[in-house]
PDB file of N, CA and C in Angstrom:
ATOM      1  N   UNK A   1     119.967-186.859 -63.046  1.00  0.00           N
ATOM      2  CA  UNK A   1     120.410-187.725 -64.047  1.00  0.00           C
ATOM      3  C   UNK A   1     119.730-187.242 -65.383  1.00  0.00           C
ATOM      4  N   UNK A   2     120.468-187.620 -66.560  1.00  0.00           N
ATOM      5  CA  UNK A   2     119.993-186.699 -67.689  1.00  0.00           C
ATOM      6  C   UNK A   2     120.465-187.753 -68.735  1.00  0.00           C
ATOM      7  N   UNK A   3     119.479-187.848 -69.956  1.00  0.00           N
ATOM      8  CA  UNK A   3     120.117-188.541 -70.979  1.00  0.00           C
ATOM      9  C   UNK A   3     120.217-187.756 -72.313  1.00  0.00           C
ATOM     10  N   UNK A   4     121.236-187.872 -72.847  1.00  0.00           N
ATOM     11  CA  UNK A   4     121.571-187.089 -74.085  1.00  0.00           C
ATOM     12  C   UNK A   4     121.441-188.042 -75.373  1.00  0.00           C
ATOM     13  N   UNK A   5     120.779-187.701 -76.494  1.00  0.00           N
ATOM     14  CA  UNK A   5     121.125-188.698 -77.642  1.00  0.00           C
ATOM     15  C   UNK A   5     121.375-187.666 -78.840  1.00  0.00           C
ATOM     16  N   UNK A   6     122.421-188.301 -79.384  1.00  0.00           N
ATOM     17  CA  UNK A   6     123.154-187.592 -80.326  1.00  0.00           C
ATOM     18  C   UNK A   6     122.785-188.457 -81.732  1.00  0.00           C
ATOM     19  N   UNK A   7     121.647-187.987 -82.657  1.00  0.00           N
ATOM     20  CA  UNK A   7     121.485-188.893 -83.685  1.00  0.00           C
ATOM     21  C   UNK A   7     122.162-188.886 -84.742  1.00  0.00           C
ATOM     22  N   UNK A   8     123.085-187.679 -85.096  1.00  0.00           N
ATOM     23  CA  UNK A   8     124.055-187.427 -86.156  1.00  0.00           C
ATOM     24  C   UNK A   8     125.452-188.699 -85.541  1.00  0.00           C
ATOM     25  N   UNK A   9     125.830-188.495 -84.487  1.00  0.00           N
ATOM     26  CA  UNK A   9     126.934-189.488 -84.051  1.00  0.00           C
ATOM     27  C   UNK A   9     126.331-190.973 -83.595  1.00  0.00           C
ATOM     28  N   UNK A  10     124.863-191.191 -83.733  1.00  0.00           N
ATOM     29  CA  UNK A  10     124.408-192.498 -83.398  1.00  0.00           C
ATOM     30  C   UNK A  10     124.578-193.102 -81.986  1.00  0.00           C
ATOM     31  N   UNK A  11     124.811-191.929 -81.027  1.00  0.00           N
ATOM     32  CA  UNK A  11     125.335-192.299 -79.864  1.00  0.00           C
ATOM     33  C   UNK A  11     124.297-191.755 -78.573  1.00  0.00           C
ATOM     34  N   UNK A  12     124.421-192.305 -77.349  1.00  0.00           N
ATOM     35  CA  UNK A  12     123.721-191.841 -76.379  1.00  0.00           C
ATOM     36  C   UNK A  12     124.424-191.742 -74.948  1.00  0.00           C
ATOM     37  N   UNK A  13     124.132-190.634 -74.079  1.00  0.00           N
ATOM     38  CA  UNK A  13     124.838-190.561 -72.817  1.00  0.00           C
ATOM     39  C   UNK A  13     124.180-190.342 -71.821  1.00  0.00           C
ATOM     40  N   UNK A  14     124.087-191.502 -70.766  1.00  0.00           N
ATOM     41  CA  UNK A  14     123.226-191.262 -69.648  1.00  0.00           C
ATOM     42  C   UNK A  14     124.165-190.479 -68.721  1.00  0.00           C
ATOM     43  N   UNK A  15     123.914-189.565 -67.999  1.00  0.00           N
ATOM     44  CA  UNK A  15     124.636-188.894 -66.929  1.00  0.00           C
ATOM     45  C   UNK A  15     123.980-189.241 -65.945  1.00  0.00           C
ATOM     46  N   UNK A  16     124.854-189.768 -64.721  1.00  0.00           N
ATOM     47  CA  UNK A  16     124.327-190.414 -63.579  1.00  0.00           C
ATOM     48  C   UNK A  16     124.539-189.261 -62.636  1.00  0.00           C
ATOM     49  N   UNK A  17     125.626-188.711 -62.566  1.00  0.00           N
ATOM     50  CA  UNK A  17     126.071-187.290 -61.924  1.00  0.00           C
ATOM     51  C   UNK A  17     126.889-186.322 -62.344  1.00  0.00           C
ATOM     52  N   UNK A  18     126.725-185.121 -61.756  1.00  0.00           N
ATOM     53  CA  UNK A  18     127.340-184.210 -62.552  1.00  0.00           C
ATOM     54  C   UNK A  18     128.771-183.767 -62.285  1.00  0.00           C
ATOM     55  N   UNK A  19     129.451-184.788 -61.362  1.00  0.00           N
ATOM     56  CA  UNK A  19     131.040-184.823 -60.981  1.00  0.00           C
ATOM     57  C   UNK A  19     131.832-184.845 -62.112  1.00  0.00           C
ATOM     58  N   UNK A  20     133.007-184.398 -62.128  1.00  0.00           N
ATOM     59  CA  UNK A  20     133.656-184.302 -63.189  1.00  0.00           C
ATOM     60  C   UNK A  20     134.581-185.695 -63.419  1.00  0.00           C
ATOM     61  N   UNK A  21     134.562-185.828 -64.801  1.00  0.00           N
ATOM     62  CA  UNK A  21     134.993-187.430 -65.099  1.00  0.00           C
ATOM     63  C   UNK A  21     136.716-187.297 -64.924  1.00  0.00           C
ATOM     64  N   UNK A  22     136.950-188.393 -64.162  1.00  0.00           N
ATOM     65  CA  UNK A  22     138.499-188.593 -63.916  1.00  0.00           C
ATOM     66  C   UNK A  22     139.053-189.858 -64.526  1.00  0.00           C
ATOM     67  N   UNK A  23     138.196-190.710 -65.052  1.00  0.00           N
ATOM     68  CA  UNK A  23     138.835-191.745 -65.999  1.00  0.00           C
ATOM     69  C   UNK A  23     137.517-192.464 -66.754  1.00  0.00           C
ATOM     70  N   UNK A  24     138.111-193.292 -67.735  1.00  0.00           N
ATOM     71  CA  UNK A  24     136.884-193.544 -68.562  1.00  0.00           C
ATOM     72  C   UNK A  24     137.450-195.005 -68.756  1.00  0.00           C
ATOM     73  N   UNK A  25     136.603-196.124 -69.071  1.00  0.00           N
ATOM     74  CA  UNK A  25     136.599-197.487 -69.168  1.00  0.00           C
ATOM     75  C   UNK A  25     135.734-197.931 -70.114  1.00  0.00           C
ATOM     76  N   UNK A  26     136.324-198.696 -71.273  1.00  0.00           N
ATOM     77  CA  UNK A  26     135.279-199.350 -72.230  1.00  0.00           C
ATOM     78  C   UNK A  26     134.684-200.467 -71.345  1.00  0.00           C
ATOM     79  N   UNK A  27     133.664-200.745 -71.001  1.00  0.00           N
ATOM     80  CA  UNK A  27     133.308-201.833 -70.312  1.00  0.00           C
ATOM     81  C   UNK A  27     132.853-203.214 -71.379  1.00  0.00           C
ATOM     82  N   UNK A  28     132.485-202.939 -72.576  1.00  0.00           N
ATOM     83  CA  UNK A  28     132.390-203.767 -73.664  1.00  0.00           C
ATOM     84  C   UNK A  28     132.398-202.881 -74.877  1.00  0.00           C
ATOM     85  N   UNK A  29     132.726-203.624 -76.104  1.00  0.00           N
ATOM     86  CA  UNK A  29     132.689-202.714 -77.066  1.00  0.00           C
ATOM     87  C   UNK A  29     131.431-201.754 -77.494  1.00  0.00           C
ATOM     88  N   UNK A  30     131.868-200.449 -77.752  1.00  0.00           N
ATOM     89  CA  UNK A  30     130.732-199.621 -77.694  1.00  0.00           C
ATOM     90  C   UNK A  30     130.220-199.174 -76.586  1.00  0.00           C
ATOM     91  N   UNK A  31     130.507-199.386 -75.346  1.00  0.00           N
ATOM     92  CA  UNK A  31     129.864-199.042 -74.235  1.00  0.00           C
ATOM     93  C   UNK A  31     131.059-198.536 -73.091  1.00  0.00           C
ATOM     94  N   UNK A  32     130.986-197.031 -73.028  1.00  0.00           N
ATOM     95  CA  UNK A  32     132.070-196.551 -72.308  1.00  0.00           C
ATOM     96  C   UNK A  32     131.388-196.191 -70.954  1.00  0.00           C
ATOM     97  N   UNK A  33     131.992-196.214 -69.864  1.00  0.00           N
ATOM     98  CA  UNK A  33     131.795-195.548 -68.481  1.00  0.00           C
ATOM     99  C   UNK A  33     132.786-194.794 -68.303  1.00  0.00           C
ATOM    100  N   UNK A  34     132.128-193.735 -67.382  1.00  0.00           N
ATOM    101  CA  UNK A  34     133.146-192.549 -66.848  1.00  0.00           C
ATOM    102  C   UNK A  34     132.803-192.686 -65.165  1.00  0.00           C
ATOM    103  N   UNK A  35     134.106-192.406 -64.855  1.00  0.00           N
ATOM    104  CA  UNK A  35     134.131-192.790 -63.409  1.00  0.00           C
ATOM    105  C   UNK A  35     134.684-191.226 -62.835  1.00  0.00           C
ATOM    106  N   UNK A  36     134.310-190.715 -61.649  1.00  0.00           N
ATOM    107  CA  UNK A  36     134.933-189.615 -61.191  1.00  0.00           C
ATOM    108  C   UNK A  36     136.452-190.104 -60.244  1.00  0.00           C
ATOM    109  N   UNK A  37     136.760-189.115 -59.586  1.00  0.00           N
ATOM    110  CA  UNK A  37     137.987-189.650 -58.987  1.00  0.00           C
ATOM    111  C   UNK A  37     138.039-190.479 -57.850  1.00  0.00           C
ATOM    112  N   UNK A  38     136.757-190.677 -57.045  1.00  0.00           N
ATOM    113  CA  UNK A  38     136.782-191.586 -56.049  1.00  0.00           C
ATOM    114  C   UNK A  38     136.407-193.170 -56.978  1.00  0.00           C
ATOM    115  N   UNK A  39     136.235-192.946 -58.067  1.00  0.00           N
ATOM    116  CA  UNK A  39     135.729-194.320 -58.825  1.00  0.00           C
ATOM    117  C   UNK A  39     134.228-194.541 -58.762  1.00  0.00           C
ATOM    118  N   UNK A  40     133.329-193.333 -58.364  1.00  0.00           N
ATOM    119  CA  UNK A  40     131.934-193.656 -58.633  1.00  0.00           C
ATOM    120  C   UNK A  40     131.764-193.465 -59.944  1.00  0.00           C
ATOM    121  N   UNK A  41     130.561-194.046 -60.677  1.00  0.00           N
ATOM    122  CA  UNK A  41     130.118-194.164 -61.948  1.00  0.00           C
ATOM    123  C   UNK A  41     129.413-192.402 -62.116  1.00  0.00           C
ATOM    124  N   UNK A  42     130.029-191.736 -63.232  1.00  0.00           N
ATOM    125  CA  UNK A  42     129.483-190.537 -63.530  1.00  0.00           C
ATOM    126  C   UNK A  42     128.590-190.674 -64.589  1.00  0.00           C
ATOM    127  N   UNK A  43     128.673-191.519 -65.669  1.00  0.00           N
ATOM    128  CA  UNK A  43     127.852-191.574 -66.839  1.00  0.00           C
ATOM    129  C   UNK A  43     128.298-192.942 -67.773  1.00  0.00           C
ATOM    130  N   UNK A  44     127.595-192.985 -68.699  1.00  0.00           N
ATOM    131  CA  UNK A  44     127.733-194.235 -69.464  1.00  0.00           C
ATOM    132  C   UNK A  44     127.310-193.816 -70.995  1.00  0.00           C
ATOM    133  N   UNK A  45     128.216-193.886 -71.649  1.00  0.00           N
ATOM    134  CA  UNK A  45     127.903-193.470 -73.378  1.00  0.00           C
ATOM    135  C   UNK A  45     127.722-194.925 -74.158  1.00  0.00           C
ATOM    136  N   UNK A  46     126.761-195.081 -74.822  1.00  0.00           N
ATOM    137  CA  UNK A  46     126.617-196.002 -75.905  1.00  0.00           C
ATOM    138  C   UNK A  46     126.800-195.700 -77.335  1.00  0.00           C
ATOM    139  N   UNK A  47     127.476-196.223 -77.852  1.00  0.00           N
ATOM    140  CA  UNK A  47     127.759-195.730 -79.362  1.00  0.00           C
ATOM    141  C   UNK A  47     126.867-196.720 -80.525  1.00  0.00           C
ATOM    142  N   UNK A  48     126.660-196.496 -81.428  1.00  0.00           N
ATOM    143  CA  UNK A  48     125.909-197.401 -82.490  1.00  0.00           C
ATOM    144  C   UNK A  48     124.616-197.714 -81.849  1.00  0.00           C
ATOM    145  N   UNK A  49     123.894-196.687 -81.495  1.00  0.00           N
ATOM    146  CA  UNK A  49     122.577-196.909 -80.958  1.00  0.00           C
ATOM    147  C   UNK A  49     121.528-197.494 -81.893  1.00  0.00           C
ATOM    148  N   UNK A  50     121.566-197.055 -83.122  1.00  0.00           N
ATOM    149  CA  UNK A  50     120.780-197.763 -84.131  1.00  0.00           C
ATOM    150  C   UNK A  50     120.856-199.251 -84.385  1.00  0.00           C
ATOM    151  N   UNK A  51     122.171-199.729 -83.972  1.00  0.00           N
ATOM    152  CA  UNK A  51     122.400-201.053 -84.169  1.00  0.00           C
ATOM    153  C   UNK A  51     121.925-201.982 -83.032  1.00  0.00           C
ATOM    154  N   UNK A  52     121.863-201.102 -81.818  1.00  0.00           N
ATOM    155  CA  UNK A  52     121.829-201.814 -80.593  1.00  0.00           C
ATOM    156  C   UNK A  52     119.994-201.764 -80.120  1.00  0.00           C
ATOM    157  N   UNK A  53     119.445-200.871 -80.727  1.00  0.00           N
ATOM    158  CA  UNK A  53     118.227-200.995 -80.421  1.00  0.00           C
ATOM    159  C   UNK A  53     117.289-202.012 -80.717  1.00  0.00           C
ATOM    160  N   UNK A  54     116.282-202.279 -80.280  1.00  0.00           N
ATOM    161  CA  UNK A  54     115.417-203.321 -80.435  1.00  0.00           C
ATOM    162  C   UNK A  54     113.990-202.802 -80.080  1.00  0.00           C
ATOM    163  N   UNK A  55     113.777-201.944 -81.086  1.00  0.00           N
ATOM    164  CA  UNK A  55     112.499-201.224 -81.064  1.00  0.00           C
ATOM    165  C   UNK A  55     111.440-201.928 -81.906  1.00  0.00           C
ATOM    166  N   UNK A  56     110.214-201.992 -81.512  1.00  0.00           N
ATOM    167  CA  UNK A  56     108.992-202.766 -82.304  1.00  0.00           C
ATOM    168  C   UNK A  56     108.803-201.725 -83.310  1.00  0.00           C
ATOM    169  N   UNK A  57     108.417-202.543 -84.653  1.00  0.00           N
ATOM    170  CA  UNK A  57     107.897-201.857 -85.803  1.00  0.00           C
ATOM    171  C   UNK A  57     106.737-201.131 -85.258  1.00  0.00           C
ATOM    172  N   UNK A  58     106.398-200.045 -86.080  1.00  0.00           N
ATOM    173  CA  UNK A  58     105.322-199.295 -85.948  1.00  0.00           C
ATOM    174  C   UNK A  58     104.115-199.960 -86.097  1.00  0.00           C
ATOM    175  N   UNK A  59     104.114-200.925 -87.045  1.00  0.00           N
ATOM    176  CA  UNK A  59     102.881-201.832 -87.229  1.00  0.00           C
ATOM    177  C   UNK A  59     102.716-202.710 -86.105  1.00  0.00           C
ATOM    178  N   UNK A  60     103.264-202.980 -85.265  1.00  0.00           N
ATOM    179  CA  UNK A  60     103.183-204.025 -84.258  1.00  0.00           C
ATOM    180  C   UNK A  60     102.729-203.050 -83.060  1.00  0.00           C
ATOM    181  N   UNK A  61     103.013-201.703 -83.146  1.00  0.00           N
ATOM    182  CA  UNK A  61     102.638-200.881 -81.937  1.00  0.00           C
ATOM    183  C   UNK A  61     101.056-200.460 -82.207  1.00  0.00           C
ATOM    184  N   UNK A  62     100.918-200.144 -83.498  1.00  0.00           N
ATOM    185  CA  UNK A  62      99.661-199.616 -83.594  1.00  0.00           C
ATOM    186  C   UNK A  62      98.391-200.744 -83.532  1.00  0.00           C
TER     187      UNK A  62
END
């Protein structure tokens, strides 16, 4: 498994399997799932990460 974050694209990709992607399906707006030829999940891409993240403020953590 591997997580890739692209701050320029404001996106993240969570790779579950190194299998070749055979199909892609948007499971909800901005969340895209990749599947192999057998229909197994290969990875998930999340777009607009900065709008979806609910991180605590630095003051709350300190």
